[in-house]
């Protein structure tokens, strides 16, 4: 009987490398990598409406904010 130890902590650079090669998206938190659930069309529509509303408020002179989609994956520049 063989047992393979699961690696629990990754460096951020390792996460980015693994994410580039993966067909599914993951979240990185305190050295651990978690698979993320897939989005739905309704969620995407709600996120787009939220970003549009935030952008409109910024344009109208409301308090500045930085609307960022939660579905955005971190990528190297």
PDB file of N, CA and C in Angstrom:
ATOM      1  N   UNK A   1       0.848  -1.175   0.000  1.00  0.00           N
ATOM      2  CA  UNK A   1       0.000   0.000   0.000  1.00  0.00           C
ATOM      3  C   UNK A   1       0.890   1.233   0.000  1.00  0.00           C
ATOM      4  N   UNK A   2       0.686   2.081  -0.956  1.00  0.00           N
ATOM      5  CA  UNK A   2       1.488   3.296  -0.999  1.00  0.00           C
ATOM      6  C   UNK A   2       0.623   4.495  -0.638  1.00  0.00           C
ATOM      7  N   UNK A   3       1.251   5.445  -0.046  1.00  0.00           N
ATOM      8  CA  UNK A   3       0.557   6.660   0.372  1.00  0.00           C
ATOM      9  C   UNK A   3       1.315   7.858  -0.180  1.00  0.00           C
ATOM     10  N   UNK A   4       0.618   8.719  -0.882  1.00  0.00           N
ATOM     11  CA  UNK A   4       1.281   9.916  -1.405  1.00  0.00           C
ATOM     12  C   UNK A   4       0.886  11.107  -0.537  1.00  0.00           C
ATOM     13  N   UNK A   5       1.878  11.812  -0.068  1.00  0.00           N
ATOM     14  CA  UNK A   5       1.629  12.977   0.774  1.00  0.00           C
ATOM     15  C   UNK A   5       1.148  14.131  -0.087  1.00  0.00           C
ATOM     16  N   UNK A   6       0.138  14.814   0.364  1.00  0.00           N
ATOM     17  CA  UNK A   6      -0.390  15.971  -0.352  1.00  0.00           C
ATOM     18  C   UNK A   6       0.392  17.204   0.057  1.00  0.00           C
ATOM     19  N   UNK A   7       0.857  17.933  -0.909  1.00  0.00           N
ATOM     20  CA  UNK A   7       1.610  19.152  -0.622  1.00  0.00           C
ATOM     21  C   UNK A   7       0.628  20.237  -0.218  1.00  0.00           C
ATOM     22  N   UNK A   8       0.896  20.911   0.909  1.00  0.00           N
ATOM     23  CA  UNK A   8      -0.065  21.855   1.452  1.00  0.00           C
ATOM     24  C   UNK A   8       0.283  23.318   1.187  1.00  0.00           C
ATOM     25  N   UNK A   9       1.546  23.645   1.033  1.00  0.00           N
ATOM     26  CA  UNK A   9       1.921  25.050   0.853  1.00  0.00           C
ATOM     27  C   UNK A   9       2.728  25.247  -0.424  1.00  0.00           C
ATOM     28  N   UNK A  10       2.361  26.273  -1.172  1.00  0.00           N
ATOM     29  CA  UNK A  10       3.023  26.605  -2.422  1.00  0.00           C
ATOM     30  C   UNK A  10       3.457  28.057  -2.397  1.00  0.00           C
ATOM     31  N   UNK A  11       4.536  28.354  -3.065  1.00  0.00           N
ATOM     32  CA  UNK A  11       4.951  29.743  -3.262  1.00  0.00           C
ATOM     33  C   UNK A  11       4.021  30.355  -4.313  1.00  0.00           C
ATOM     34  N   UNK A  12       3.847  31.663  -4.276  1.00  0.00           N
ATOM     35  CA  UNK A  12       2.961  32.334  -5.221  1.00  0.00           C
ATOM     36  C   UNK A  12       3.416  32.100  -6.661  1.00  0.00           C
ATOM     37  N   UNK A  13       4.721  32.098  -6.892  1.00  0.00           N
ATOM     38  CA  UNK A  13       5.247  31.854  -8.244  1.00  0.00           C
ATOM     39  C   UNK A  13       4.869  30.448  -8.724  1.00  0.00           C
ATOM     40  N   UNK A  14       4.863  29.468  -7.812  1.00  0.00           N
ATOM     41  CA  UNK A  14       4.454  28.110  -8.175  1.00  0.00           C
ATOM     42  C   UNK A  14       2.979  28.083  -8.556  1.00  0.00           C
ATOM     43  N   UNK A  15       2.163  28.806  -7.777  1.00  0.00           N
ATOM     44  CA  UNK A  15       0.734  28.897  -8.080  1.00  0.00           C
ATOM     45  C   UNK A  15       0.514  29.467  -9.479  1.00  0.00           C
ATOM     46  N   UNK A  16       1.199  30.559  -9.801  1.00  0.00           N
ATOM     47  CA  UNK A  16       1.043  31.172 -11.125  1.00  0.00           C
ATOM     48  C   UNK A  16       1.426  30.198 -12.233  1.00  0.00           C
ATOM     49  N   UNK A  17       2.494  29.458 -12.022  1.00  0.00           N
ATOM     50  CA  UNK A  17       2.935  28.485 -13.013  1.00  0.00           C
ATOM     51  C   UNK A  17       1.895  27.375 -13.186  1.00  0.00           C
ATOM     52  N   UNK A  18       1.377  26.856 -12.092  1.00  0.00           N
ATOM     53  CA  UNK A  18       0.360  25.809 -12.153  1.00  0.00           C
ATOM     54  C   UNK A  18      -0.922  26.332 -12.802  1.00  0.00           C
ATOM     55  N   UNK A  19      -1.285  27.566 -12.491  1.00  0.00           N
ATOM     56  CA  UNK A  19      -2.515  28.155 -13.035  1.00  0.00           C
ATOM     57  C   UNK A  19      -2.402  28.345 -14.546  1.00  0.00           C
ATOM     58  N   UNK A  20      -1.223  28.699 -15.024  1.00  0.00           N
ATOM     59  CA  UNK A  20      -1.015  28.859 -16.467  1.00  0.00           C
ATOM     60  C   UNK A  20      -1.249  27.552 -17.215  1.00  0.00           C
ATOM     61  N   UNK A  21      -0.972  26.419 -16.574  1.00  0.00           N
ATOM     62  CA  UNK A  21      -1.077  25.108 -17.211  1.00  0.00           C
ATOM     63  C   UNK A  21      -2.429  24.435 -16.989  1.00  0.00           C
ATOM     64  N   UNK A  22      -3.248  24.994 -16.113  1.00  0.00           N
ATOM     65  CA  UNK A  22      -4.488  24.349 -15.728  1.00  0.00           C
ATOM     66  C   UNK A  22      -5.658  24.746 -16.622  1.00  0.00           C
ATOM     67  N   UNK A  23      -6.579  23.814 -16.821  1.00  0.00           N
ATOM     68  CA  UNK A  23      -7.787  24.110 -17.591  1.00  0.00           C
ATOM     69  C   UNK A  23      -8.910  24.620 -16.698  1.00  0.00           C
ATOM     70  N   UNK A  24      -8.735  24.522 -15.376  1.00  0.00           N
ATOM     71  CA  UNK A  24      -9.713  25.075 -14.440  1.00  0.00           C
ATOM     72  C   UNK A  24      -9.053  26.164 -13.613  1.00  0.00           C
ATOM     73  N   UNK A  25      -9.855  27.045 -13.037  1.00  0.00           N
ATOM     74  CA  UNK A  25      -9.308  28.156 -12.261  1.00  0.00           C
ATOM     75  C   UNK A  25      -9.194  27.783 -10.788  1.00  0.00           C
ATOM     76  N   UNK A  26      -8.205  28.392 -10.141  1.00  0.00           N
ATOM     77  CA  UNK A  26      -7.952  28.142  -8.726  1.00  0.00           C
ATOM     78  C   UNK A  26      -7.801  29.459  -7.988  1.00  0.00           C
ATOM     79  N   UNK A  27      -7.893  29.381  -6.688  1.00  0.00           N
ATOM     80  CA  UNK A  27      -7.680  30.521  -5.800  1.00  0.00           C
ATOM     81  C   UNK A  27      -6.459  30.211  -4.945  1.00  0.00           C
ATOM     82  N   UNK A  28      -5.638  31.221  -4.689  1.00  0.00           N
ATOM     83  CA  UNK A  28      -4.435  31.067  -3.866  1.00  0.00           C
ATOM     84  C   UNK A  28      -4.640  31.857  -2.584  1.00  0.00           C
ATOM     85  N   UNK A  29      -4.499  31.201  -1.431  1.00  0.00           N
ATOM     86  CA  UNK A  29      -4.687  31.872  -0.150  1.00  0.00           C
ATOM     87  C   UNK A  29      -3.714  31.298   0.870  1.00  0.00           C
ATOM     88  N   UNK A  30      -2.827  32.139   1.343  1.00  0.00           N
ATOM     89  CA  UNK A  30      -1.861  31.749   2.385  1.00  0.00           C
ATOM     90  C   UNK A  30      -1.102  30.471   2.047  1.00  0.00           C
ATOM     91  N   UNK A  31      -0.666  30.367   0.798  1.00  0.00           N
ATOM     92  CA  UNK A  31       0.150  29.229   0.400  1.00  0.00           C
ATOM     93  C   UNK A  31      -0.625  27.994  -0.016  1.00  0.00           C
ATOM     94  N   UNK A  32      -1.943  28.040   0.079  1.00  0.00           N
ATOM     95  CA  UNK A  32      -2.762  26.901  -0.317  1.00  0.00           C
ATOM     96  C   UNK A  32      -3.522  27.224  -1.594  1.00  0.00           C
ATOM     97  N   UNK A  33      -3.790  26.212  -2.401  1.00  0.00           N
ATOM     98  CA  UNK A  33      -4.478  26.375  -3.675  1.00  0.00           C
ATOM     99  C   UNK A  33      -5.805  25.631  -3.610  1.00  0.00           C
ATOM    100  N   UNK A  34      -6.882  26.351  -3.954  1.00  0.00           N
ATOM    101  CA  UNK A  34      -8.223  25.784  -3.923  1.00  0.00           C
ATOM    102  C   UNK A  34      -8.857  25.884  -5.309  1.00  0.00           C
ATOM    103  N   UNK A  35      -9.522  24.823  -5.754  1.00  0.00           N
ATOM    104  CA  UNK A  35     -10.263  24.875  -7.013  1.00  0.00           C
ATOM    105  C   UNK A  35     -11.477  25.773  -6.816  1.00  0.00           C
ATOM    106  N   UNK A  36     -11.788  26.569  -7.836  1.00  0.00           N
ATOM    107  CA  UNK A  36     -12.938  27.469  -7.769  1.00  0.00           C
ATOM    108  C   UNK A  36     -14.103  26.873  -8.545  1.00  0.00           C
ATOM    109  N   UNK A  37     -15.296  27.135  -8.064  1.00  0.00           N
ATOM    110  CA  UNK A  37     -16.495  26.685  -8.765  1.00  0.00           C
ATOM    111  C   UNK A  37     -16.678  27.500 -10.034  1.00  0.00           C
ATOM    112  N   UNK A  38     -17.297  26.921 -11.013  1.00  0.00           N
ATOM    113  CA  UNK A  38     -17.557  27.632 -12.266  1.00  0.00           C
ATOM    114  C   UNK A  38     -18.658  28.663 -12.092  1.00  0.00           C
ATOM    115  N   UNK A  39     -18.627  29.688 -12.901  1.00  0.00           N
ATOM    116  CA  UNK A  39     -19.644  30.729 -12.857  1.00  0.00           C
ATOM    117  C   UNK A  39     -20.854  30.339 -13.686  1.00  0.00           C
ATOM    118  N   UNK A  40     -21.907  31.130 -13.575  1.00  0.00           N
ATOM    119  CA  UNK A  40     -23.123  30.912 -14.355  1.00  0.00           C
ATOM    120  C   UNK A  40     -23.375  32.148 -15.194  1.00  0.00           C
ATOM    121  N   UNK A  41     -24.179  32.038 -16.234  1.00  0.00           N
ATOM    122  CA  UNK A  41     -24.524  33.231 -17.022  1.00  0.00           C
ATOM    123  C   UNK A  41     -25.176  34.327 -16.168  1.00  0.00           C
ATOM    124  N   UNK A  42     -26.025  33.942 -15.212  1.00  0.00           N
ATOM    125  CA  UNK A  42     -26.653  34.941 -14.342  1.00  0.00           C
ATOM    126  C   UNK A  42     -25.604  35.660 -13.491  1.00  0.00           C
ATOM    127  N   UNK A  43     -24.624  34.919 -12.982  1.00  0.00           N
ATOM    128  CA  UNK A  43     -23.568  35.532 -12.180  1.00  0.00           C
ATOM    129  C   UNK A  43     -22.751  36.498 -13.027  1.00  0.00           C
ATOM    130  N   UNK A  44     -22.428  36.096 -14.253  1.00  0.00           N
ATOM    131  CA  UNK A  44     -21.659  36.965 -15.147  1.00  0.00           C
ATOM    132  C   UNK A  44     -22.428  38.250 -15.458  1.00  0.00           C
ATOM    133  N   UNK A  45     -23.735  38.134 -15.680  1.00  0.00           N
ATOM    134  CA  UNK A  45     -24.557  39.314 -15.959  1.00  0.00           C
ATOM    135  C   UNK A  45     -24.606  40.240 -14.751  1.00  0.00           C
ATOM    136  N   UNK A  46     -24.750  39.679 -13.566  1.00  0.00           N
ATOM    137  CA  UNK A  46     -24.772  40.484 -12.349  1.00  0.00           C
ATOM    138  C   UNK A  46     -23.435  41.189 -12.130  1.00  0.00           C
ATOM    139  N   UNK A  47     -22.335  40.473 -12.342  1.00  0.00           N
ATOM    140  CA  UNK A  47     -21.005  41.070 -12.188  1.00  0.00           C
ATOM    141  C   UNK A  47     -20.807  42.205 -13.184  1.00  0.00           C
ATOM    142  N   UNK A  48     -21.230  42.000 -14.437  1.00  0.00           N
ATOM    143  CA  UNK A  48     -21.085  43.049 -15.455  1.00  0.00           C
ATOM    144  C   UNK A  48     -21.917  44.274 -15.094  1.00  0.00           C
ATOM    145  N   UNK A  49     -23.136  44.070 -14.619  1.00  0.00           N
ATOM    146  CA  UNK A  49     -23.992  45.196 -14.227  1.00  0.00           C
ATOM    147  C   UNK A  49     -23.382  45.951 -13.048  1.00  0.00           C
ATOM    148  N   UNK A  50     -22.796  45.224 -12.117  1.00  0.00           N
ATOM    149  CA  UNK A  50     -22.162  45.850 -10.956  1.00  0.00           C
ATOM    150  C   UNK A  50     -20.965  46.705 -11.359  1.00  0.00           C
ATOM    151  N   UNK A  51     -20.146  46.183 -12.252  1.00  0.00           N
ATOM    152  CA  UNK A  51     -18.984  46.927 -12.731  1.00  0.00           C
ATOM    153  C   UNK A  51     -19.436  48.173 -13.483  1.00  0.00           C
ATOM    154  N   UNK A  52     -20.456  48.040 -14.338  1.00  0.00           N
ATOM    155  CA  UNK A  52     -20.963  49.181 -15.096  1.00  0.00           C
ATOM    156  C   UNK A  52     -21.506  50.258 -14.159  1.00  0.00           C
ATOM    157  N   UNK A  53     -22.236  49.846 -13.138  1.00  0.00           N
ATOM    158  CA  UNK A  53     -22.790  50.801 -12.165  1.00  0.00           C
ATOM    159  C   UNK A  53     -21.664  51.510 -11.412  1.00  0.00           C
ATOM    160  N   UNK A  54     -20.661  50.773 -10.985  1.00  0.00           N
ATOM    161  CA  UNK A  54     -19.521  51.380 -10.281  1.00  0.00           C
ATOM    162  C   UNK A  54     -18.787  52.357 -11.183  1.00  0.00           C
ATOM    163  N   UNK A  55     -18.592  51.983 -12.438  1.00  0.00           N
ATOM    164  CA  UNK A  55     -17.896  52.861 -13.381  1.00  0.00           C
ATOM    165  C   UNK A  55     -18.698  54.142 -13.610  1.00  0.00           C
ATOM    166  N   UNK A  56     -20.028  54.017 -13.724  1.00  0.00           N
ATOM    167  CA  UNK A  56     -20.887  55.189 -13.899  1.00  0.00           C
ATOM    168  C   UNK A  56     -20.782  56.122 -12.704  1.00  0.00           C
ATOM    169  N   UNK A  57     -20.788  55.548 -11.498  1.00  0.00           N
ATOM    170  CA  UNK A  57     -20.695  56.363 -10.282  1.00  0.00           C
ATOM    171  C   UNK A  57     -19.359  57.088 -10.223  1.00  0.00           C
ATOM    172  N   UNK A  58     -18.292  56.437 -10.645  1.00  0.00           N
ATOM    173  CA  UNK A  58     -16.979  57.087 -10.663  1.00  0.00           C
ATOM    174  C   UNK A  58     -16.988  58.246 -11.650  1.00  0.00           C
ATOM    175  N   UNK A  59     -17.591  58.030 -12.809  1.00  0.00           N
ATOM    176  CA  UNK A  59     -17.648  59.057 -13.851  1.00  0.00           C
ATOM    177  C   UNK A  59     -18.478  60.256 -13.393  1.00  0.00           C
ATOM    178  N   UNK A  60     -19.504  59.993 -12.583  1.00  0.00           N
ATOM    179  CA  UNK A  60     -20.391  61.054 -12.107  1.00  0.00           C
ATOM    180  C   UNK A  60     -19.794  61.801 -10.915  1.00  0.00           C
ATOM    181  N   UNK A  61     -18.620  61.409 -10.471  1.00  0.00           N
ATOM    182  CA  UNK A  61     -17.969  62.120  -9.377  1.00  0.00           C
ATOM    183  C   UNK A  61     -18.205  61.524  -8.008  1.00  0.00           C
ATOM    184  N   UNK A  62     -18.759  60.341  -7.927  1.00  0.00           N
ATOM    185  CA  UNK A  62     -18.935  59.686  -6.631  1.00  0.00           C
ATOM    186  C   UNK A  62     -17.568  59.258  -6.104  1.00  0.00           C
ATOM    187  N   UNK A  63     -17.557  58.769  -4.891  1.00  0.00           N
ATOM    188  CA  UNK A  63     -16.294  58.325  -4.288  1.00  0.00           C
ATOM    189  C   UNK A  63     -15.603  57.330  -5.207  1.00  0.00           C
ATOM    190  N   UNK A  64     -14.302  57.466  -5.409  1.00  0.00           N
ATOM    191  CA  UNK A  64     -13.591  56.557  -6.312  1.00  0.00           C
ATOM    192  C   UNK A  64     -13.575  55.135  -5.780  1.00  0.00           C
ATOM    193  N   UNK A  65     -13.666  54.214  -6.701  1.00  0.00           N
ATOM    194  CA  UNK A  65     -13.544  52.797  -6.362  1.00  0.00           C
ATOM    195  C   UNK A  65     -12.859  52.108  -7.527  1.00  0.00           C
ATOM    196  N   UNK A  66     -12.434  50.913  -7.296  1.00  0.00           N
ATOM    197  CA  UNK A  66     -11.746  50.157  -8.343  1.00  0.00           C
ATOM    198  C   UNK A  66     -12.536  48.892  -8.625  1.00  0.00           C
ATOM    199  N   UNK A  67     -13.508  48.961  -9.542  1.00  0.00           N
ATOM    200  CA  UNK A  67     -14.290  47.759  -9.827  1.00  0.00           C
ATOM    201  C   UNK A  67     -13.440  46.698 -10.512  1.00  0.00           C
ATOM    202  N   UNK A  68     -13.384  45.541  -9.895  1.00  0.00           N
ATOM    203  CA  UNK A  68     -12.605  44.429 -10.442  1.00  0.00           C
ATOM    204  C   UNK A  68     -13.499  43.206 -10.409  1.00  0.00           C
ATOM    205  N   UNK A  69     -13.570  42.503 -11.482  1.00  0.00           N
ATOM    206  CA  UNK A  69     -14.384  41.306 -11.548  1.00  0.00           C
ATOM    207  C   UNK A  69     -13.773  40.212 -10.668  1.00  0.00           C
ATOM    208  N   UNK A  70     -14.594  39.543  -9.900  1.00  0.00           N
ATOM    209  CA  UNK A  70     -14.115  38.437  -9.072  1.00  0.00           C
ATOM    210  C   UNK A  70     -13.691  37.244  -9.884  1.00  0.00           C
ATOM    211  N   UNK A  71     -14.048  37.237 -11.160  1.00  0.00           N
ATOM    212  CA  UNK A  71     -13.668  36.112 -11.997  1.00  0.00           C
ATOM    213  C   UNK A  71     -12.325  36.338 -12.678  1.00  0.00           C
ATOM    214  N   UNK A  72     -11.682  37.456 -12.395  1.00  0.00           N
ATOM    215  CA  UNK A  72     -10.386  37.746 -13.006  1.00  0.00           C
ATOM    216  C   UNK A  72      -9.288  36.901 -12.349  1.00  0.00           C
ATOM    217  N   UNK A  73      -8.499  36.251 -13.134  1.00  0.00           N
ATOM    218  CA  UNK A  73      -7.378  35.476 -12.615  1.00  0.00           C
ATOM    219  C   UNK A  73      -6.140  36.342 -12.568  1.00  0.00           C
ATOM    220  N   UNK A  74      -5.319  36.210 -11.533  1.00  0.00           N
ATOM    221  CA  UNK A  74      -4.078  36.981 -11.510  1.00  0.00           C
ATOM    222  C   UNK A  74      -3.145  36.496 -12.607  1.00  0.00           C
ATOM    223  N   UNK A  75      -2.634  37.370 -13.359  1.00  0.00           N
ATOM    224  CA  UNK A  75      -1.705  37.022 -14.444  1.00  0.00           C
ATOM    225  C   UNK A  75      -0.503  37.934 -14.358  1.00  0.00           C
ATOM    226  N   UNK A  76       0.598  37.398 -14.792  1.00  0.00           N
ATOM    227  CA  UNK A  76       1.809  38.200 -14.818  1.00  0.00           C
ATOM    228  C   UNK A  76       1.743  39.203 -15.951  1.00  0.00           C
ATOM    229  N   UNK A  77       2.270  40.383 -15.720  1.00  0.00           N
ATOM    230  CA  UNK A  77       2.254  41.428 -16.742  1.00  0.00           C
ATOM    231  C   UNK A  77       3.337  41.203 -17.763  1.00  0.00           C
TER     232      UNK A  77
END
